[in-house]
């Protein structure tokens, strides 16, 4: 788990519920200002990690979540339904 108030300079603090599950990466993702996405895996969350990193820049965010009430990744069918709803909204 990341040190509380250590030398880390967080871009922001984001609730896990604001992240989206990416089944291709098997990770939770959140948009980064650089255009890429912050990423944290389910395993990292289960081990108490709270830092999501962007693979394209140096920004990091602190992920706020209740370790005792960690959500399971959505089933693949649920992800497809959400994606199809987004496409309908865009159209």
PDB file of N, CA and C in Angstrom:
ATOM      1  N   UNK A   1       0.844  -1.176   0.000  1.00  0.00           N
ATOM      2  CA  UNK A   1       0.000   0.000   0.000  1.00  0.00           C
ATOM      3  C   UNK A   1       0.888   1.238   0.000  1.00  0.00           C
ATOM      4  N   UNK A   2       0.459   2.238  -0.691  1.00  0.00           N
ATOM      5  CA  UNK A   2       1.247   3.467  -0.766  1.00  0.00           C
ATOM      6  C   UNK A   2       1.309   4.140   0.594  1.00  0.00           C
ATOM      7  N   UNK A   3       2.409   4.799   0.852  1.00  0.00           N
ATOM      8  CA  UNK A   3       2.550   5.511   2.108  1.00  0.00           C
ATOM      9  C   UNK A   3       1.579   6.678   2.169  1.00  0.00           C
ATOM     10  N   UNK A   4       0.948   6.831   3.309  1.00  0.00           N
ATOM     11  CA  UNK A   4       0.049   7.952   3.519  1.00  0.00           C
ATOM     12  C   UNK A   4       0.874   9.233   3.581  1.00  0.00           C
ATOM     13  N   UNK A   5       0.574  10.167   2.687  1.00  0.00           N
ATOM     14  CA  UNK A   5       1.242  11.462   2.730  1.00  0.00           C
ATOM     15  C   UNK A   5       2.730  11.399   2.470  1.00  0.00           C
ATOM     16  N   UNK A   6       3.208  10.304   1.841  1.00  0.00           N
ATOM     17  CA  UNK A   6       4.628  10.167   1.555  1.00  0.00           C
ATOM     18  C   UNK A   6       5.075  11.187   0.532  1.00  0.00           C
ATOM     19  N   UNK A   7       6.060  10.818  -0.264  1.00  0.00           N
ATOM     20  CA  UNK A   7       6.606  11.724  -1.269  1.00  0.00           C
ATOM     21  C   UNK A   7       5.775  11.775  -2.545  1.00  0.00           C
ATOM     22  N   UNK A   8       4.645  11.083  -2.571  1.00  0.00           N
ATOM     23  CA  UNK A   8       3.824  11.051  -3.774  1.00  0.00           C
ATOM     24  C   UNK A   8       3.057  12.350  -3.947  1.00  0.00           C
ATOM     25  N   UNK A   9       3.024  12.828  -5.174  1.00  0.00           N
ATOM     26  CA  UNK A   9       2.299  14.048  -5.503  1.00  0.00           C
ATOM     27  C   UNK A   9       1.127  13.656  -6.399  1.00  0.00           C
ATOM     28  N   UNK A  10      -0.055  13.484  -5.804  1.00  0.00           N
ATOM     29  CA  UNK A  10      -1.219  13.031  -6.534  1.00  0.00           C
ATOM     30  C   UNK A  10      -1.827  14.156  -7.363  1.00  0.00           C
ATOM     31  N   UNK A  11      -2.186  13.823  -8.593  1.00  0.00           N
ATOM     32  CA  UNK A  11      -2.901  14.769  -9.456  1.00  0.00           C
ATOM     33  C   UNK A  11      -4.303  15.019  -8.894  1.00  0.00           C
ATOM     34  N   UNK A  12      -4.910  13.961  -8.325  1.00  0.00           N
ATOM     35  CA  UNK A  12      -6.274  14.056  -7.824  1.00  0.00           C
ATOM     36  C   UNK A  12      -6.566  12.839  -6.961  1.00  0.00           C
ATOM     37  N   UNK A  13      -7.695  12.881  -6.274  1.00  0.00           N
ATOM     38  CA  UNK A  13      -8.220  11.728  -5.558  1.00  0.00           C
ATOM     39  C   UNK A  13      -9.554  11.398  -6.205  1.00  0.00           C
ATOM     40  N   UNK A  14      -9.725  10.120  -6.594  1.00  0.00           N
ATOM     41  CA  UNK A  14     -10.900   9.717  -7.359  1.00  0.00           C
ATOM     42  C   UNK A  14     -11.534   8.492  -6.708  1.00  0.00           C
ATOM     43  N   UNK A  15     -12.848   8.540  -6.540  1.00  0.00           N
ATOM     44  CA  UNK A  15     -13.584   7.395  -6.001  1.00  0.00           C
ATOM     45  C   UNK A  15     -13.533   6.247  -7.013  1.00  0.00           C
ATOM     46  N   UNK A  16     -13.377   5.022  -6.517  1.00  0.00           N
ATOM     47  CA  UNK A  16     -13.343   3.857  -7.391  1.00  0.00           C
ATOM     48  C   UNK A  16     -14.622   3.766  -8.219  1.00  0.00           C
ATOM     49  N   UNK A  17     -15.741   4.198  -7.659  1.00  0.00           N
ATOM     50  CA  UNK A  17     -17.011   4.134  -8.400  1.00  0.00           C
ATOM     51  C   UNK A  17     -16.998   5.015  -9.655  1.00  0.00           C
ATOM     52  N   UNK A  18     -16.055   5.962  -9.744  1.00  0.00           N
ATOM     53  CA  UNK A  18     -15.929   6.797 -10.931  1.00  0.00           C
ATOM     54  C   UNK A  18     -15.047   6.156 -12.009  1.00  0.00           C
ATOM     55  N   UNK A  19     -14.358   5.081 -11.664  1.00  0.00           N
ATOM     56  CA  UNK A  19     -13.550   4.341 -12.628  1.00  0.00           C
ATOM     57  C   UNK A  19     -14.459   3.416 -13.434  1.00  0.00           C
ATOM     58  N   UNK A  20     -13.994   3.016 -14.603  1.00  0.00           N
ATOM     59  CA  UNK A  20     -14.713   2.045 -15.426  1.00  0.00           C
ATOM     60  C   UNK A  20     -13.877   0.785 -15.540  1.00  0.00           C
ATOM     61  N   UNK A  21     -14.553  -0.367 -15.589  1.00  0.00           N
ATOM     62  CA  UNK A  21     -13.868  -1.641 -15.738  1.00  0.00           C
ATOM     63  C   UNK A  21     -13.538  -1.859 -17.217  1.00  0.00           C
ATOM     64  N   UNK A  22     -12.276  -2.179 -17.495  1.00  0.00           N
ATOM     65  CA  UNK A  22     -11.841  -2.490 -18.852  1.00  0.00           C
ATOM     66  C   UNK A  22     -11.504  -3.975 -18.902  1.00  0.00           C
ATOM     67  N   UNK A  23     -12.393  -4.792 -19.503  1.00  0.00           N
ATOM     68  CA  UNK A  23     -12.144  -6.235 -19.511  1.00  0.00           C
ATOM     69  C   UNK A  23     -10.922  -6.639 -20.341  1.00  0.00           C
ATOM     70  N   UNK A  24     -10.557  -5.837 -21.331  1.00  0.00           N
ATOM     71  CA  UNK A  24      -9.380  -6.156 -22.149  1.00  0.00           C
ATOM     72  C   UNK A  24      -8.093  -6.022 -21.340  1.00  0.00           C
ATOM     73  N   UNK A  25      -8.055  -5.042 -20.430  1.00  0.00           N
ATOM     74  CA  UNK A  25      -6.876  -4.843 -19.591  1.00  0.00           C
ATOM     75  C   UNK A  25      -7.024  -5.516 -18.230  1.00  0.00           C
ATOM     76  N   UNK A  26      -8.226  -6.016 -17.942  1.00  0.00           N
ATOM     77  CA  UNK A  26      -8.533  -6.574 -16.619  1.00  0.00           C
ATOM     78  C   UNK A  26      -8.152  -5.573 -15.531  1.00  0.00           C
ATOM     79  N   UNK A  27      -8.595  -4.335 -15.738  1.00  0.00           N
ATOM     80  CA  UNK A  27      -8.231  -3.258 -14.823  1.00  0.00           C
ATOM     81  C   UNK A  27      -9.322  -2.194 -14.787  1.00  0.00           C
ATOM     82  N   UNK A  28      -9.303  -1.416 -13.712  1.00  0.00           N
ATOM     83  CA  UNK A  28     -10.164  -0.245 -13.575  1.00  0.00           C
ATOM     84  C   UNK A  28      -9.443   0.925 -14.208  1.00  0.00           C
ATOM     85  N   UNK A  29     -10.156   1.755 -14.966  1.00  0.00           N
ATOM     86  CA  UNK A  29      -9.522   2.868 -15.653  1.00  0.00           C
ATOM     87  C   UNK A  29     -10.300   4.161 -15.434  1.00  0.00           C
ATOM     88  N   UNK A  30      -9.560   5.280 -15.555  1.00  0.00           N
ATOM     89  CA  UNK A  30     -10.145   6.609 -15.384  1.00  0.00           C
ATOM     90  C   UNK A  30      -9.399   7.558 -16.322  1.00  0.00           C
ATOM     91  N   UNK A  31     -10.110   8.464 -17.012  1.00  0.00           N
ATOM     92  CA  UNK A  31      -9.435   9.343 -17.976  1.00  0.00           C
ATOM     93  C   UNK A  31      -8.337  10.217 -17.346  1.00  0.00           C
ATOM     94  N   UNK A  32      -7.210  10.285 -18.034  1.00  0.00           N
ATOM     95  CA  UNK A  32      -6.096  11.143 -17.627  1.00  0.00           C
ATOM     96  C   UNK A  32      -6.122  12.401 -18.502  1.00  0.00           C
ATOM     97  N   UNK A  33      -5.717  13.551 -17.959  1.00  0.00           N
ATOM     98  CA  UNK A  33      -5.684  14.771 -18.768  1.00  0.00           C
ATOM     99  C   UNK A  33      -4.811  14.667 -20.019  1.00  0.00           C
ATOM    100  N   UNK A  34      -3.843  13.757 -20.027  1.00  0.00           N
ATOM    101  CA  UNK A  34      -2.958  13.624 -21.192  1.00  0.00           C
ATOM    102  C   UNK A  34      -3.646  12.935 -22.359  1.00  0.00           C
ATOM    103  N   UNK A  35      -4.824  12.365 -22.116  1.00  0.00           N
ATOM    104  CA  UNK A  35      -5.548  11.668 -23.173  1.00  0.00           C
ATOM    105  C   UNK A  35      -5.538  10.161 -23.009  1.00  0.00           C
ATOM    106  N   UNK A  36      -4.666   9.645 -22.179  1.00  0.00           N
ATOM    107  CA  UNK A  36      -4.629   8.208 -21.891  1.00  0.00           C
ATOM    108  C   UNK A  36      -5.542   7.949 -20.694  1.00  0.00           C
ATOM    109  N   UNK A  37      -5.288   6.875 -19.965  1.00  0.00           N
ATOM    110  CA  UNK A  37      -6.123   6.540 -18.809  1.00  0.00           C
ATOM    111  C   UNK A  37      -5.269   6.101 -17.626  1.00  0.00           C
ATOM    112  N   UNK A  38      -5.701   6.487 -16.430  1.00  0.00           N
ATOM    113  CA  UNK A  38      -5.110   5.944 -15.210  1.00  0.00           C
ATOM    114  C   UNK A  38      -5.583   4.501 -15.095  1.00  0.00           C
ATOM    115  N   UNK A  39      -4.719   3.624 -14.583  1.00  0.00           N
ATOM    116  CA  UNK A  39      -5.035   2.205 -14.525  1.00  0.00           C
ATOM    117  C   UNK A  39      -4.673   1.650 -13.156  1.00  0.00           C
ATOM    118  N   UNK A  40      -5.578   0.801 -12.614  1.00  0.00           N
ATOM    119  CA  UNK A  40      -5.282   0.031 -11.412  1.00  0.00           C
ATOM    120  C   UNK A  40      -6.009  -1.305 -11.553  1.00  0.00           C
ATOM    121  N   UNK A  41      -5.320  -2.397 -11.256  1.00  0.00           N
ATOM    122  CA  UNK A  41      -5.924  -3.718 -11.417  1.00  0.00           C
ATOM    123  C   UNK A  41      -6.706  -4.124 -10.176  1.00  0.00           C
ATOM    124  N   UNK A  42      -7.569  -5.105 -10.352  1.00  0.00           N
ATOM    125  CA  UNK A  42      -8.341  -5.637  -9.229  1.00  0.00           C
ATOM    126  C   UNK A  42      -7.390  -6.237  -8.188  1.00  0.00           C
ATOM    127  N   UNK A  43      -6.362  -6.948  -8.651  1.00  0.00           N
ATOM    128  CA  UNK A  43      -5.396  -7.542  -7.719  1.00  0.00           C
ATOM    129  C   UNK A  43      -4.704  -6.472  -6.886  1.00  0.00           C
ATOM    130  N   UNK A  44      -4.335  -5.356  -7.516  1.00  0.00           N
ATOM    131  CA  UNK A  44      -3.683  -4.271  -6.775  1.00  0.00           C
ATOM    132  C   UNK A  44      -4.614  -3.726  -5.695  1.00  0.00           C
ATOM    133  N   UNK A  45      -5.886  -3.572  -6.035  1.00  0.00           N
ATOM    134  CA  UNK A  45      -6.856  -3.090  -5.044  1.00  0.00           C
ATOM    135  C   UNK A  45      -6.993  -4.086  -3.895  1.00  0.00           C
ATOM    136  N   UNK A  46      -7.057  -5.373  -4.228  1.00  0.00           N
ATOM    137  CA  UNK A  46      -7.203  -6.409  -3.201  1.00  0.00           C
ATOM    138  C   UNK A  46      -5.997  -6.459  -2.273  1.00  0.00           C
ATOM    139  N   UNK A  47      -4.820  -6.056  -2.771  1.00  0.00           N
ATOM    140  CA  UNK A  47      -3.611  -6.008  -1.948  1.00  0.00           C
ATOM    141  C   UNK A  47      -3.453  -4.673  -1.218  1.00  0.00           C
ATOM    142  N   UNK A  48      -4.456  -3.777  -1.366  1.00  0.00           N
ATOM    143  CA  UNK A  48      -4.432  -2.521  -0.628  1.00  0.00           C
ATOM    144  C   UNK A  48      -3.792  -1.359  -1.356  1.00  0.00           C
ATOM    145  N   UNK A  49      -3.443  -1.538  -2.622  1.00  0.00           N
ATOM    146  CA  UNK A  49      -2.860  -0.437  -3.392  1.00  0.00           C
ATOM    147  C   UNK A  49      -3.905   0.655  -3.584  1.00  0.00           C
ATOM    148  N   UNK A  50      -3.466   1.893  -3.584  1.00  0.00           N
ATOM    149  CA  UNK A  50      -4.400   3.008  -3.771  1.00  0.00           C
ATOM    150  C   UNK A  50      -3.902   4.004  -4.812  1.00  0.00           C
ATOM    151  N   UNK A  51      -2.875   3.632  -5.563  1.00  0.00           N
ATOM    152  CA  UNK A  51      -2.306   4.532  -6.563  1.00  0.00           C
ATOM    153  C   UNK A  51      -2.584   3.977  -7.958  1.00  0.00           C
ATOM    154  N   UNK A  52      -3.311   4.770  -8.769  1.00  0.00           N
ATOM    155  CA  UNK A  52      -3.524   4.423 -10.174  1.00  0.00           C
ATOM    156  C   UNK A  52      -2.557   5.263 -10.995  1.00  0.00           C
ATOM    157  N   UNK A  53      -1.890   4.615 -11.928  1.00  0.00           N
ATOM    158  CA  UNK A  53      -0.875   5.302 -12.729  1.00  0.00           C
ATOM    159  C   UNK A  53      -1.339   5.447 -14.177  1.00  0.00           C
ATOM    160  N   UNK A  54      -0.792   6.433 -14.850  1.00  0.00           N
ATOM    161  CA  UNK A  54      -1.022   6.610 -16.278  1.00  0.00           C
ATOM    162  C   UNK A  54       0.221   6.093 -16.993  1.00  0.00           C
ATOM    163  N   UNK A  55       0.048   5.192 -17.954  1.00  0.00           N
ATOM    164  CA  UNK A  55       1.221   4.657 -18.650  1.00  0.00           C
ATOM    165  C   UNK A  55       1.878   5.645 -19.618  1.00  0.00           C
ATOM    166  N   UNK A  56       1.205   6.760 -19.909  1.00  0.00           N
ATOM    167  CA  UNK A  56       1.731   7.709 -20.893  1.00  0.00           C
ATOM    168  C   UNK A  56       2.368   8.957 -20.303  1.00  0.00           C
ATOM    169  N   UNK A  57       2.120   9.222 -19.031  1.00  0.00           N
ATOM    170  CA  UNK A  57       2.708  10.419 -18.412  1.00  0.00           C
ATOM    171  C   UNK A  57       3.049  10.115 -16.957  1.00  0.00           C
ATOM    172  N   UNK A  58       3.494  11.100 -16.235  1.00  0.00           N
ATOM    173  CA  UNK A  58       3.931  10.873 -14.853  1.00  0.00           C
ATOM    174  C   UNK A  58       2.831  11.104 -13.824  1.00  0.00           C
ATOM    175  N   UNK A  59       1.621  11.430 -14.255  1.00  0.00           N
ATOM    176  CA  UNK A  59       0.545  11.699 -13.301  1.00  0.00           C
ATOM    177  C   UNK A  59       0.066  10.421 -12.623  1.00  0.00           C
ATOM    178  N   UNK A  60      -0.317  10.569 -11.362  1.00  0.00           N
ATOM    179  CA  UNK A  60      -0.923   9.480 -10.603  1.00  0.00           C
ATOM    180  C   UNK A  60      -2.122  10.043  -9.840  1.00  0.00           C
ATOM    181  N   UNK A  61      -3.088   9.164  -9.555  1.00  0.00           N
ATOM    182  CA  UNK A  61      -4.223   9.555  -8.729  1.00  0.00           C
ATOM    183  C   UNK A  61      -4.346   8.583  -7.569  1.00  0.00           C
ATOM    184  N   UNK A  62      -4.871   9.092  -6.457  1.00  0.00           N
ATOM    185  CA  UNK A  62      -5.180   8.230  -5.319  1.00  0.00           C
ATOM    186  C   UNK A  62      -6.594   7.710  -5.525  1.00  0.00           C
ATOM    187  N   UNK A  63      -6.744   6.400  -5.439  1.00  0.00           N
ATOM    188  CA  UNK A  63      -8.049   5.768  -5.596  1.00  0.00           C
ATOM    189  C   UNK A  63      -8.671   5.621  -4.216  1.00  0.00           C
ATOM    190  N   UNK A  64      -9.864   6.189  -4.060  1.00  0.00           N
ATOM    191  CA  UNK A  64     -10.573   6.131  -2.794  1.00  0.00           C
ATOM    192  C   UNK A  64     -11.569   4.977  -2.856  1.00  0.00           C
ATOM    193  N   UNK A  65     -11.427   4.029  -1.943  1.00  0.00           N
ATOM    194  CA  UNK A  65     -12.344   2.891  -1.904  1.00  0.00           C
ATOM    195  C   UNK A  65     -12.312   2.266  -0.520  1.00  0.00           C
ATOM    196  N   UNK A  66     -13.355   1.494  -0.230  1.00  0.00           N
ATOM    197  CA  UNK A  66     -13.454   0.780   1.035  1.00  0.00           C
ATOM    198  C   UNK A  66     -12.913  -0.625   0.811  1.00  0.00           C
ATOM    199  N   UNK A  67     -11.764  -0.928   1.379  1.00  0.00           N
ATOM    200  CA  UNK A  67     -11.129  -2.227   1.168  1.00  0.00           C
ATOM    201  C   UNK A  67     -11.995  -3.380   1.679  1.00  0.00           C
ATOM    202  N   UNK A  68     -12.840  -3.104   2.666  1.00  0.00           N
ATOM    203  CA  UNK A  68     -13.726  -4.141   3.196  1.00  0.00           C
ATOM    204  C   UNK A  68     -14.959  -4.347   2.326  1.00  0.00           C
ATOM    205  N   UNK A  69     -15.187  -3.449   1.386  1.00  0.00           N
ATOM    206  CA  UNK A  69     -16.366  -3.529   0.530  1.00  0.00           C
ATOM    207  C   UNK A  69     -15.957  -3.303  -0.925  1.00  0.00           C
ATOM    208  N   UNK A  70     -14.917  -3.996  -1.343  1.00  0.00           N
ATOM    209  CA  UNK A  70     -14.355  -3.827  -2.678  1.00  0.00           C
ATOM    210  C   UNK A  70     -15.286  -4.436  -3.723  1.00  0.00           C
ATOM    211  N   UNK A  71     -15.670  -3.651  -4.748  1.00  0.00           N
ATOM    212  CA  UNK A  71     -16.562  -4.205  -5.771  1.00  0.00           C
ATOM    213  C   UNK A  71     -15.847  -5.226  -6.637  1.00  0.00           C
ATOM    214  N   UNK A  72     -16.600  -6.207  -7.092  1.00  0.00           N
ATOM    215  CA  UNK A  72     -16.064  -7.173  -8.050  1.00  0.00           C
ATOM    216  C   UNK A  72     -16.149  -6.549  -9.436  1.00  0.00           C
ATOM    217  N   UNK A  73     -15.228  -6.897 -10.321  1.00  0.00           N
ATOM    218  CA  UNK A  73     -15.343  -6.400 -11.696  1.00  0.00           C
ATOM    219  C   UNK A  73     -16.670  -6.864 -12.290  1.00  0.00           C
ATOM    220  N   UNK A  74     -17.307  -6.021 -13.102  1.00  0.00           N
ATOM    221  CA  UNK A  74     -18.569  -6.422 -13.716  1.00  0.00           C
ATOM    222  C   UNK A  74     -18.375  -7.608 -14.652  1.00  0.00           C
ATOM    223  N   UNK A  75     -19.427  -8.379 -14.804  1.00  0.00           N
ATOM    224  CA  UNK A  75     -19.391  -9.482 -15.754  1.00  0.00           C
ATOM    225  C   UNK A  75     -19.270  -8.907 -17.160  1.00  0.00           C
ATOM    226  N   UNK A  76     -18.722  -9.681 -18.075  1.00  0.00           N
ATOM    227  CA  UNK A  76     -18.502  -9.211 -19.440  1.00  0.00           C
ATOM    228  C   UNK A  76     -19.802  -8.729 -20.074  1.00  0.00           C
ATOM    229  N   UNK A  77     -20.908  -9.395 -19.804  1.00  0.00           N
ATOM    230  CA  UNK A  77     -22.192  -9.000 -20.377  1.00  0.00           C
ATOM    231  C   UNK A  77     -22.600  -7.611 -19.887  1.00  0.00           C
ATOM    232  N   UNK A  78     -22.368  -7.306 -18.597  1.00  0.00           N
ATOM    233  CA  UNK A  78     -22.699  -5.988 -18.058  1.00  0.00           C
ATOM    234  C   UNK A  78     -21.881  -4.896 -18.746  1.00  0.00           C
ATOM    235  N   UNK A  79     -20.625  -5.178 -19.031  1.00  0.00           N
ATOM    236  CA  UNK A  79     -19.753  -4.210 -19.700  1.00  0.00           C
ATOM    237  C   UNK A  79     -20.278  -3.940 -21.106  1.00  0.00           C
ATOM    238  N   UNK A  80     -20.698  -4.981 -21.814  1.00  0.00           N
ATOM    239  CA  UNK A  80     -21.225  -4.814 -23.167  1.00  0.00           C
ATOM    240  C   UNK A  80     -22.489  -3.965 -23.159  1.00  0.00           C
ATOM    241  N   UNK A  81     -23.358  -4.159 -22.173  1.00  0.00           N
ATOM    242  CA  UNK A  81     -24.589  -3.369 -22.072  1.00  0.00           C
ATOM    243  C   UNK A  81     -24.251  -1.903 -21.860  1.00  0.00           C
ATOM    244  N   UNK A  82     -23.308  -1.608 -20.946  1.00  0.00           N
ATOM    245  CA  UNK A  82     -22.904  -0.225 -20.694  1.00  0.00           C
ATOM    246  C   UNK A  82     -22.332   0.410 -21.956  1.00  0.00           C
ATOM    247  N   UNK A  83     -21.477  -0.333 -22.676  1.00  0.00           N
ATOM    248  CA  UNK A  83     -20.871   0.197 -23.894  1.00  0.00           C
ATOM    249  C   UNK A  83     -21.926   0.480 -24.953  1.00  0.00           C
ATOM    250  N   UNK A  84     -22.931  -0.391 -25.080  1.00  0.00           N
ATOM    251  CA  UNK A  84     -23.966  -0.171 -26.090  1.00  0.00           C
ATOM    252  C   UNK A  84     -24.814   1.043 -25.724  1.00  0.00           C
ATOM    253  N   UNK A  85     -25.031   1.287 -24.443  1.00  0.00           N
ATOM    254  CA  UNK A  85     -25.775   2.468 -24.015  1.00  0.00           C
ATOM    255  C   UNK A  85     -24.999   3.739 -24.357  1.00  0.00           C
ATOM    256  N   UNK A  86     -23.673   3.703 -24.208  1.00  0.00           N
ATOM    257  CA  UNK A  86     -22.851   4.857 -24.546  1.00  0.00           C
ATOM    258  C   UNK A  86     -22.938   5.156 -26.038  1.00  0.00           C
ATOM    259  N   UNK A  87     -22.939   4.107 -26.856  1.00  0.00           N
ATOM    260  CA  UNK A  87     -23.026   4.295 -28.303  1.00  0.00           C
ATOM    261  C   UNK A  87     -24.358   4.930 -28.686  1.00  0.00           C
ATOM    262  N   UNK A  88     -25.449   4.531 -28.021  1.00  0.00           N
ATOM    263  CA  UNK A  88     -26.760   5.092 -28.300  1.00  0.00           C
ATOM    264  C   UNK A  88     -26.778   6.570 -27.945  1.00  0.00           C
ATOM    265  N   UNK A  89     -26.152   6.934 -26.830  1.00  0.00           N
ATOM    266  CA  UNK A  89     -26.104   8.328 -26.406  1.00  0.00           C
ATOM    267  C   UNK A  89     -25.312   9.167 -27.400  1.00  0.00           C
ATOM    268  N   UNK A  90     -24.207   8.627 -27.917  1.00  0.00           N
ATOM    269  CA  UNK A  90     -23.360   9.344 -28.866  1.00  0.00           C
ATOM    270  C   UNK A  90     -24.084   9.593 -30.196  1.00  0.00           C
ATOM    271  N   UNK A  91     -24.924   8.646 -30.595  1.00  0.00           N
ATOM    272  CA  UNK A  91     -25.585   8.717 -31.910  1.00  0.00           C
ATOM    273  C   UNK A  91     -26.603   9.814 -32.015  1.00  0.00           C
TER     274      UNK A  91
END
